[in-house]
Amino acid sequence: MHMSILKSGWYSSIPWIVGTISELVIGGWLID
């Protein structure tokens, strides 16, 4: 995608933020 290292760092953080919320809310709280 021809990004700089710094820009790739910010873009890379988006899926991980989604993953964090998804696991806490669905994988943890909702299932229990």
PDB file of all heavy atoms in Angstrom:
ATOM      1  N   MET A   1       0.822  -1.216   0.000  1.00  0.00           N
ATOM      2  CA  MET A   1       0.000   0.000   0.000  1.00  0.00           C
ATOM      3  C   MET A   1       0.856   1.267   0.000  1.00  0.00           C
ATOM      4  O   MET A   1       0.329   2.382   0.063  1.00  0.00           O
ATOM      5  CB  MET A   1      -0.934  -0.005   1.220  1.00  0.00           C
ATOM      6  CG  MET A   1      -1.915  -1.166   1.222  1.00  0.00           C
ATOM      7  SD  MET A   1      -3.003  -1.117  -0.234  1.00  0.00           S
ATOM      8  CE  MET A   1      -3.762  -2.733  -0.169  1.00  0.00           C
ATOM      9  N   HIS A   2       2.178   1.103  -0.029  1.00  0.00           N
ATOM     10  CA  HIS A   2       3.135   2.209  -0.201  1.00  0.00           C
ATOM     11  C   HIS A   2       2.992   3.304   0.871  1.00  0.00           C
ATOM     12  O   HIS A   2       3.005   4.498   0.568  1.00  0.00           O
ATOM     13  CB  HIS A   2       2.987   2.818  -1.599  1.00  0.00           C
ATOM     14  CG  HIS A   2       3.009   1.792  -2.696  1.00  0.00           C
ATOM     15  ND1 HIS A   2       4.133   1.040  -2.998  1.00  0.00           N
ATOM     16  CD2 HIS A   2       2.017   1.357  -3.539  1.00  0.00           C
ATOM     17  CE1 HIS A   2       3.853   0.207  -3.990  1.00  0.00           C
ATOM     18  NE2 HIS A   2       2.574   0.369  -4.330  1.00  0.00           N
ATOM     19  N   MET A   3       2.860   2.876   2.126  1.00  0.00           N
ATOM     20  CA  MET A   3       2.779   3.826   3.238  1.00  0.00           C
ATOM     21  C   MET A   3       4.150   4.012   3.874  1.00  0.00           C
ATOM     22  O   MET A   3       5.025   3.151   3.756  1.00  0.00           O
ATOM     23  CB  MET A   3       1.803   3.322   4.309  1.00  0.00           C
ATOM     24  CG  MET A   3       0.352   3.242   3.877  1.00  0.00           C
ATOM     25  SD  MET A   3      -0.689   2.693   5.252  1.00  0.00           S
ATOM     26  CE  MET A   3      -2.289   2.690   4.461  1.00  0.00           C
ATOM     27  N   SER A   4       4.310   5.128   4.582  1.00  0.00           N
ATOM     28  CA  SER A   4       5.507   5.308   5.402  1.00  0.00           C
ATOM     29  C   SER A   4       5.398   4.418   6.639  1.00  0.00           C
ATOM     30  O   SER A   4       4.314   3.916   6.965  1.00  0.00           O
ATOM     31  CB  SER A   4       5.633   6.769   5.837  1.00  0.00           C
ATOM     32  OG  SER A   4       4.565   7.100   6.723  1.00  0.00           O
ATOM     33  N   ILE A   5       6.510   4.219   7.336  1.00  0.00           N
ATOM     34  CA  ILE A   5       6.491   3.397   8.546  1.00  0.00           C
ATOM     35  C   ILE A   5       5.529   3.990   9.579  1.00  0.00           C
ATOM     36  O   ILE A   5       4.732   3.269  10.194  1.00  0.00           O
ATOM     37  CB  ILE A   5       7.915   3.281   9.156  1.00  0.00           C
ATOM     38  CG1 ILE A   5       8.813   2.468   8.231  1.00  0.00           C
ATOM     39  CG2 ILE A   5       7.864   2.627  10.543  1.00  0.00           C
ATOM     40  CD1 ILE A   5      10.252   2.386   8.691  1.00  0.00           C
ATOM     41  N   LEU A   6       5.587   5.316   9.747  1.00  0.00           N
ATOM     42  CA  LEU A   6       4.730   5.962  10.747  1.00  0.00           C
ATOM     43  C   LEU A   6       3.254   5.824  10.374  1.00  0.00           C
ATOM     44  O   LEU A   6       2.409   5.495  11.217  1.00  0.00           O
ATOM     45  CB  LEU A   6       5.110   7.437  10.883  1.00  0.00           C
ATOM     46  CG  LEU A   6       4.459   8.202  12.044  1.00  0.00           C
ATOM     47  CD1 LEU A   6       4.773   7.522  13.377  1.00  0.00           C
ATOM     48  CD2 LEU A   6       4.932   9.649  12.060  1.00  0.00           C
ATOM     49  N   LYS A   7       2.925   6.048   9.104  1.00  0.00           N
ATOM     50  CA  LYS A   7       1.525   5.936   8.669  1.00  0.00           C
ATOM     51  C   LYS A   7       1.034   4.491   8.778  1.00  0.00           C
ATOM     52  O   LYS A   7      -0.102   4.229   9.191  1.00  0.00           O
ATOM     53  CB  LYS A   7       1.380   6.427   7.232  1.00  0.00           C
ATOM     54  CG  LYS A   7      -0.081   6.496   6.766  1.00  0.00           C
ATOM     55  CD  LYS A   7      -0.191   7.080   5.367  1.00  0.00           C
ATOM     56  CE  LYS A   7      -1.650   7.155   4.923  1.00  0.00           C
ATOM     57  NZ  LYS A   7      -1.786   7.741   3.554  1.00  0.00           N
ATOM     58  N   SER A   8       1.901   3.536   8.436  1.00  0.00           N
ATOM     59  CA  SER A   8       1.512   2.131   8.542  1.00  0.00           C
ATOM     60  C   SER A   8       1.242   1.757  10.001  1.00  0.00           C
ATOM     61  O   SER A   8       0.382   0.927  10.283  1.00  0.00           O
ATOM     62  CB  SER A   8       2.607   1.225   7.969  1.00  0.00           C
ATOM     63  OG  SER A   8       3.721   1.133   8.834  1.00  0.00           O
ATOM     64  N   GLY A   9       1.988   2.378  10.913  1.00  0.00           N
ATOM     65  CA  GLY A   9       1.754   2.125  12.339  1.00  0.00           C
ATOM     66  C   GLY A   9       0.362   2.551  12.772  1.00  0.00           C
ATOM     67  O   GLY A   9      -0.329   1.820  13.482  1.00  0.00           O
ATOM     68  N   TRP A  10      -0.068   3.735  12.301  1.00  0.00           N
ATOM     69  CA  TRP A  10      -1.406   4.218  12.667  1.00  0.00           C
ATOM     70  C   TRP A  10      -2.495   3.377  11.999  1.00  0.00           C
ATOM     71  O   TRP A  10      -3.497   3.031  12.631  1.00  0.00           O
ATOM     72  CB  TRP A  10      -1.549   5.683  12.275  1.00  0.00           C
ATOM     73  CG  TRP A  10      -0.801   6.610  13.181  1.00  0.00           C
ATOM     74  CD1 TRP A  10       0.330   7.319  12.897  1.00  0.00           C
ATOM     75  CD2 TRP A  10      -1.108   6.888  14.546  1.00  0.00           C
ATOM     76  NE1 TRP A  10       0.749   8.023  13.993  1.00  0.00           N
ATOM     77  CE2 TRP A  10      -0.116   7.785  15.020  1.00  0.00           C
ATOM     78  CE3 TRP A  10      -2.111   6.481  15.423  1.00  0.00           C
ATOM     79  CZ2 TRP A  10      -0.103   8.281  16.326  1.00  0.00           C
ATOM     80  CZ3 TRP A  10      -2.104   6.969  16.726  1.00  0.00           C
ATOM     81  CH2 TRP A  10      -1.112   7.855  17.161  1.00  0.00           C
ATOM     82  N   TYR A  11      -2.315   3.049  10.736  1.00  0.00           N
ATOM     83  CA  TYR A  11      -3.301   2.216  10.042  1.00  0.00           C
ATOM     84  C   TYR A  11      -3.382   0.819  10.674  1.00  0.00           C
ATOM     85  O   TYR A  11      -4.468   0.241  10.803  1.00  0.00           O
ATOM     86  CB  TYR A  11      -2.954   2.099   8.555  1.00  0.00           C
ATOM     87  CG  TYR A  11      -3.714   3.062   7.677  1.00  0.00           C
ATOM     88  CD1 TYR A  11      -3.437   4.425   7.702  1.00  0.00           C
ATOM     89  CD2 TYR A  11      -4.714   2.627   6.816  1.00  0.00           C
ATOM     90  CE1 TYR A  11      -4.127   5.320   6.901  1.00  0.00           C
ATOM     91  CE2 TYR A  11      -5.417   3.509   6.006  1.00  0.00           C
ATOM     92  CZ  TYR A  11      -5.120   4.861   6.052  1.00  0.00           C
ATOM     93  OH  TYR A  11      -5.812   5.744   5.263  1.00  0.00           O
ATOM     94  N   SER A  12      -2.225   0.280  11.042  1.00  0.00           N
ATOM     95  CA  SER A  12      -2.195  -1.066  11.629  1.00  0.00           C
ATOM     96  C   SER A  12      -2.944  -1.124  12.952  1.00  0.00           C
ATOM     97  O   SER A  12      -3.446  -2.178  13.346  1.00  0.00           O
ATOM     98  CB  SER A  12      -0.745  -1.510  11.856  1.00  0.00           C
ATOM     99  OG  SER A  12      -0.057  -1.648  10.640  1.00  0.00           O
ATOM    100  N   SER A  13      -3.012   0.015  13.653  1.00  0.00           N
ATOM    101  CA  SER A  13      -3.646   0.026  14.968  1.00  0.00           C
ATOM    102  C   SER A  13      -5.164  -0.154  14.878  1.00  0.00           C
ATOM    103  O   SER A  13      -5.792  -0.621  15.832  1.00  0.00           O
ATOM    104  CB  SER A  13      -3.327   1.328  15.704  1.00  0.00           C
ATOM    105  OG  SER A  13      -3.993   2.430  15.107  1.00  0.00           O
ATOM    106  N   ILE A  14      -5.759   0.186  13.723  1.00  0.00           N
ATOM    107  CA  ILE A  14      -7.230   0.148  13.607  1.00  0.00           C
ATOM    108  C   ILE A  14      -7.791  -1.263  13.805  1.00  0.00           C
ATOM    109  O   ILE A  14      -8.700  -1.458  14.624  1.00  0.00           O
ATOM    110  CB  ILE A  14      -7.684   0.747  12.259  1.00  0.00           C
ATOM    111  CG1 ILE A  14      -7.317   2.238  12.197  1.00  0.00           C
ATOM    112  CG2 ILE A  14      -9.194   0.562  12.065  1.00  0.00           C
ATOM    113  CD1 ILE A  14      -7.508   2.867  10.824  1.00  0.00           C
ATOM    114  N   PRO A  15      -7.299  -2.295  13.082  1.00  0.00           N
ATOM    115  CA  PRO A  15      -7.846  -3.641  13.313  1.00  0.00           C
ATOM    116  C   PRO A  15      -7.648  -4.121  14.746  1.00  0.00           C
ATOM    117  O   PRO A  15      -8.501  -4.846  15.283  1.00  0.00           O
ATOM    118  CB  PRO A  15      -7.049  -4.515  12.334  1.00  0.00           C
ATOM    119  CG  PRO A  15      -6.561  -3.583  11.286  1.00  0.00           C
ATOM    120  CD  PRO A  15      -6.309  -2.297  11.994  1.00  0.00           C
ATOM    121  N   TRP A  16      -6.547  -3.716  15.360  1.00  0.00           N
ATOM    122  CA  TRP A  16      -6.282  -4.175  16.736  1.00  0.00           C
ATOM    123  C   TRP A  16      -7.220  -3.507  17.734  1.00  0.00           C
ATOM    124  O   TRP A  16      -7.611  -4.125  18.729  1.00  0.00           O
ATOM    125  CB  TRP A  16      -4.822  -3.923  17.102  1.00  0.00           C
ATOM    126  CG  TRP A  16      -3.859  -4.608  16.187  1.00  0.00           C
ATOM    127  CD1 TRP A  16      -2.960  -4.017  15.355  1.00  0.00           C
ATOM    128  CD2 TRP A  16      -3.700  -6.026  15.985  1.00  0.00           C
ATOM    129  NE1 TRP A  16      -2.254  -4.962  14.649  1.00  0.00           N
ATOM    130  CE2 TRP A  16      -2.695  -6.199  15.024  1.00  0.00           C
ATOM    131  CE3 TRP A  16      -4.326  -7.152  16.524  1.00  0.00           C
ATOM    132  CZ2 TRP A  16      -2.287  -7.456  14.589  1.00  0.00           C
ATOM    133  CZ3 TRP A  16      -3.922  -8.403  16.090  1.00  0.00           C
ATOM    134  CH2 TRP A  16      -2.920  -8.556  15.144  1.00  0.00           C
ATOM    135  N   ILE A  17      -7.594  -2.254  17.482  1.00  0.00           N
ATOM    136  CA  ILE A  17      -8.588  -1.595  18.346  1.00  0.00           C
ATOM    137  C   ILE A  17      -9.936  -2.302  18.215  1.00  0.00           C
ATOM    138  O   ILE A  17     -10.612  -2.578  19.217  1.00  0.00           O
ATOM    139  CB  ILE A  17      -8.729  -0.101  17.969  1.00  0.00           C
ATOM    140  CG1 ILE A  17      -7.445   0.664  18.331  1.00  0.00           C
ATOM    141  CG2 ILE A  17      -9.920   0.524  18.694  1.00  0.00           C
ATOM    142  CD1 ILE A  17      -7.411   2.083  17.804  1.00  0.00           C
ATOM    143  N   VAL A  18     -10.324  -2.603  16.979  1.00  0.00           N
ATOM    144  CA  VAL A  18     -11.570  -3.355  16.742  1.00  0.00           C
ATOM    145  C   VAL A  18     -11.516  -4.695  17.460  1.00  0.00           C
ATOM    146  O   VAL A  18     -12.481  -5.118  18.112  1.00  0.00           O
ATOM    147  CB  VAL A  18     -11.805  -3.551  15.231  1.00  0.00           C
ATOM    148  CG1 VAL A  18     -12.998  -4.481  14.987  1.00  0.00           C
ATOM    149  CG2 VAL A  18     -12.038  -2.212  14.543  1.00  0.00           C
ATOM    150  N   GLY A  19     -10.380  -5.372  17.350  1.00  0.00           N
ATOM    151  CA  GLY A  19     -10.225  -6.670  17.993  1.00  0.00           C
ATOM    152  C   GLY A  19     -10.323  -6.601  19.504  1.00  0.00           C
ATOM    153  O   GLY A  19     -10.944  -7.465  20.137  1.00  0.00           O
ATOM    154  N   THR A  20      -9.715  -5.585  20.098  1.00  0.00           N
ATOM    155  CA  THR A  20      -9.767  -5.416  21.553  1.00  0.00           C
ATOM    156  C   THR A  20     -11.202  -5.254  22.036  1.00  0.00           C
ATOM    157  O   THR A  20     -11.641  -5.928  22.982  1.00  0.00           O
ATOM    158  CB  THR A  20      -8.944  -4.186  21.981  1.00  0.00           C
ATOM    159  OG1 THR A  20      -7.596  -4.334  21.524  1.00  0.00           O
ATOM    160  CG2 THR A  20      -8.947  -4.037  23.498  1.00  0.00           C
ATOM    161  N   ILE A  21     -11.940  -4.366  21.387  1.00  0.00           N
ATOM    162  CA  ILE A  21     -13.339  -4.124  21.773  1.00  0.00           C
ATOM    163  C   ILE A  21     -14.180  -5.376  21.558  1.00  0.00           C
ATOM    164  O   ILE A  21     -14.992  -5.762  22.408  1.00  0.00           O
ATOM    165  CB  ILE A  21     -13.919  -2.934  20.977  1.00  0.00           C
ATOM    166  CG1 ILE A  21     -13.154  -1.646  21.325  1.00  0.00           C
ATOM    167  CG2 ILE A  21     -15.405  -2.758  21.259  1.00  0.00           C
ATOM    168  CD1 ILE A  21     -13.478  -0.471  20.418  1.00  0.00           C
ATOM    169  N   SER A  22     -13.977  -6.016  20.424  1.00  0.00           N
ATOM    170  CA  SER A  22     -14.746  -7.216  20.085  1.00  0.00           C
ATOM    171  C   SER A  22     -14.537  -8.319  21.120  1.00  0.00           C
ATOM    172  O   SER A  22     -15.496  -8.961  21.560  1.00  0.00           O
ATOM    173  CB  SER A  22     -14.332  -7.709  18.692  1.00  0.00           C
ATOM    174  OG  SER A  22     -14.936  -8.944  18.399  1.00  0.00           O
ATOM    175  N   GLU A  23     -13.294  -8.540  21.513  1.00  0.00           N
ATOM    176  CA  GLU A  23     -13.028  -9.625  22.463  1.00  0.00           C
ATOM    177  C   GLU A  23     -13.592  -9.326  23.843  1.00  0.00           C
ATOM    178  O   GLU A  23     -14.176 -10.196  24.485  1.00  0.00           O
ATOM    179  CB  GLU A  23     -11.527  -9.899  22.555  1.00  0.00           C
ATOM    180  CG  GLU A  23     -11.222 -11.060  23.484  1.00  0.00           C
ATOM    181  CD  GLU A  23      -9.844 -11.629  23.289  1.00  0.00           C
ATOM    182  OE1 GLU A  23      -9.031 -11.041  22.553  1.00  0.00           O
ATOM    183  OE2 GLU A  23      -9.555 -12.675  23.898  1.00  0.00           O
ATOM    184  N   LEU A  24     -13.419  -8.091  24.319  1.00  0.00           N
ATOM    185  CA  LEU A  24     -13.916  -7.748  25.656  1.00  0.00           C
ATOM    186  C   LEU A  24     -15.441  -7.784  25.714  1.00  0.00           C
ATOM    187  O   LEU A  24     -16.021  -8.345  26.654  1.00  0.00           O
ATOM    188  CB  LEU A  24     -13.411  -6.360  26.055  1.00  0.00           C
ATOM    189  CG  LEU A  24     -11.932  -6.253  26.430  1.00  0.00           C
ATOM    190  CD1 LEU A  24     -11.530  -4.798  26.600  1.00  0.00           C
ATOM    191  CD2 LEU A  24     -11.644  -7.042  27.707  1.00  0.00           C
ATOM    192  N   VAL A  25     -16.090  -7.206  24.703  1.00  0.00           N
ATOM    193  CA  VAL A  25     -17.552  -7.081  24.730  1.00  0.00           C
ATOM    194  C   VAL A  25     -18.238  -8.396  24.368  1.00  0.00           C
ATOM    195  O   VAL A  25     -19.177  -8.821  25.045  1.00  0.00           O
ATOM    196  CB  VAL A  25     -18.017  -5.955  23.786  1.00  0.00           C
ATOM    197  CG1 VAL A  25     -19.541  -5.906  23.727  1.00  0.00           C
ATOM    198  CG2 VAL A  25     -17.469  -4.609  24.256  1.00  0.00           C
ATOM    199  N   ILE A  26     -17.761  -9.051  23.308  1.00  0.00           N
ATOM    200  CA  ILE A  26     -18.430 -10.265  22.838  1.00  0.00           C
ATOM    201  C   ILE A  26     -17.780 -11.519  23.399  1.00  0.00           C
ATOM    202  O   ILE A  26     -18.438 -12.374  23.998  1.00  0.00           O
ATOM    203  CB  ILE A  26     -18.441 -10.314  21.295  1.00  0.00           C
ATOM    204  CG1 ILE A  26     -19.164  -9.080  20.735  1.00  0.00           C
ATOM    205  CG2 ILE A  26     -19.117 -11.595  20.806  1.00  0.00           C
ATOM    206  CD1 ILE A  26     -19.101  -8.951  19.228  1.00  0.00           C
ATOM    207  N   GLY A  27     -16.455 -11.647  23.220  1.00  0.00           N
ATOM    208  CA  GLY A  27     -15.760 -12.839  23.676  1.00  0.00           C
ATOM    209  C   GLY A  27     -15.767 -13.011  25.180  1.00  0.00           C
ATOM    210  O   GLY A  27     -15.637 -14.135  25.680  1.00  0.00           O
ATOM    211  N   GLY A  28     -15.897 -11.928  25.918  1.00  0.00           N
ATOM    212  CA  GLY A  28     -15.916 -12.008  27.374  1.00  0.00           C
ATOM    213  C   GLY A  28     -17.277 -11.738  27.974  1.00  0.00           C
ATOM    214  O   GLY A  28     -17.981 -12.654  28.392  1.00  0.00           O
ATOM    215  N   TRP A  29     -17.695 -10.469  27.995  1.00  0.00           N
ATOM    216  CA  TRP A  29     -18.914 -10.059  28.704  1.00  0.00           C
ATOM    217  C   TRP A  29     -20.169 -10.741  28.161  1.00  0.00           C
ATOM    218  O   TRP A  29     -20.951 -11.302  28.916  1.00  0.00           O
ATOM    219  CB  TRP A  29     -19.063  -8.539  28.617  1.00  0.00           C
ATOM    220  CG  TRP A  29     -20.343  -8.048  29.223  1.00  0.00           C
ATOM    221  CD1 TRP A  29     -20.600  -7.819  30.541  1.00  0.00           C
ATOM    222  CD2 TRP A  29     -21.561  -7.750  28.511  1.00  0.00           C
ATOM    223  NE1 TRP A  29     -21.901  -7.391  30.708  1.00  0.00           N
ATOM    224  CE2 TRP A  29     -22.509  -7.340  29.478  1.00  0.00           C
ATOM    225  CE3 TRP A  29     -21.927  -7.781  27.171  1.00  0.00           C
ATOM    226  CZ2 TRP A  29     -23.807  -6.964  29.140  1.00  0.00           C
ATOM    227  CZ3 TRP A  29     -23.216  -7.408  26.822  1.00  0.00           C
ATOM    228  CH2 TRP A  29     -24.135  -7.005  27.803  1.00  0.00           C
ATOM    229  N   LEU A  30     -20.384 -10.700  26.833  1.00  0.00           N
ATOM    230  CA  LEU A  30     -21.622 -11.226  26.270  1.00  0.00           C
ATOM    231  C   LEU A  30     -21.746 -12.735  26.487  1.00  0.00           C
ATOM    232  O   LEU A  30     -22.816 -13.230  26.853  1.00  0.00           O
ATOM    233  CB  LEU A  30     -21.701 -10.901  24.775  1.00  0.00           C
ATOM    234  CG  LEU A  30     -22.962 -11.408  24.053  1.00  0.00           C
ATOM    235  CD1 LEU A  30     -24.220 -10.832  24.692  1.00  0.00           C
ATOM    236  CD2 LEU A  30     -22.893 -11.058  22.562  1.00  0.00           C
ATOM    237  N   ILE A  31     -20.665 -13.462  26.272  1.00  0.00           N
ATOM    238  CA  ILE A  31     -20.719 -14.915  26.434  1.00  0.00           C
ATOM    239  C   ILE A  31     -21.005 -15.290  27.879  1.00  0.00           C
ATOM    240  O   ILE A  31     -21.860 -16.139  28.166  1.00  0.00           O
ATOM    241  CB  ILE A  31     -19.412 -15.564  25.931  1.00  0.00           C
ATOM    242  CG1 ILE A  31     -19.367 -15.480  24.404  1.00  0.00           C
ATOM    243  CG2 ILE A  31     -19.298 -17.020  26.392  1.00  0.00           C
ATOM    244  CD1 ILE A  31     -18.089 -15.964  23.784  1.00  0.00           C
ATOM    245  N   ASP A  32     -20.317 -14.663  28.837  1.00  0.00           N
ATOM    246  CA  ASP A  32     -20.603 -14.938  30.252  1.00  0.00           C
ATOM    247  C   ASP A  32     -22.038 -14.575  30.605  1.00  0.00           C
ATOM    248  O   ASP A  32     -22.699 -15.270  31.378  1.00  0.00           O
ATOM    249  CB  ASP A  32     -19.628 -14.157  31.152  1.00  0.00           C
ATOM    250  CG  ASP A  32     -18.324 -14.899  31.380  1.00  0.00           C
ATOM    251  OD1 ASP A  32     -18.227 -16.066  30.951  1.00  0.00           O
ATOM    252  OD2 ASP A  32     -17.401 -14.317  31.972  1.00  0.00           O
TER     253      ASP A  32
END
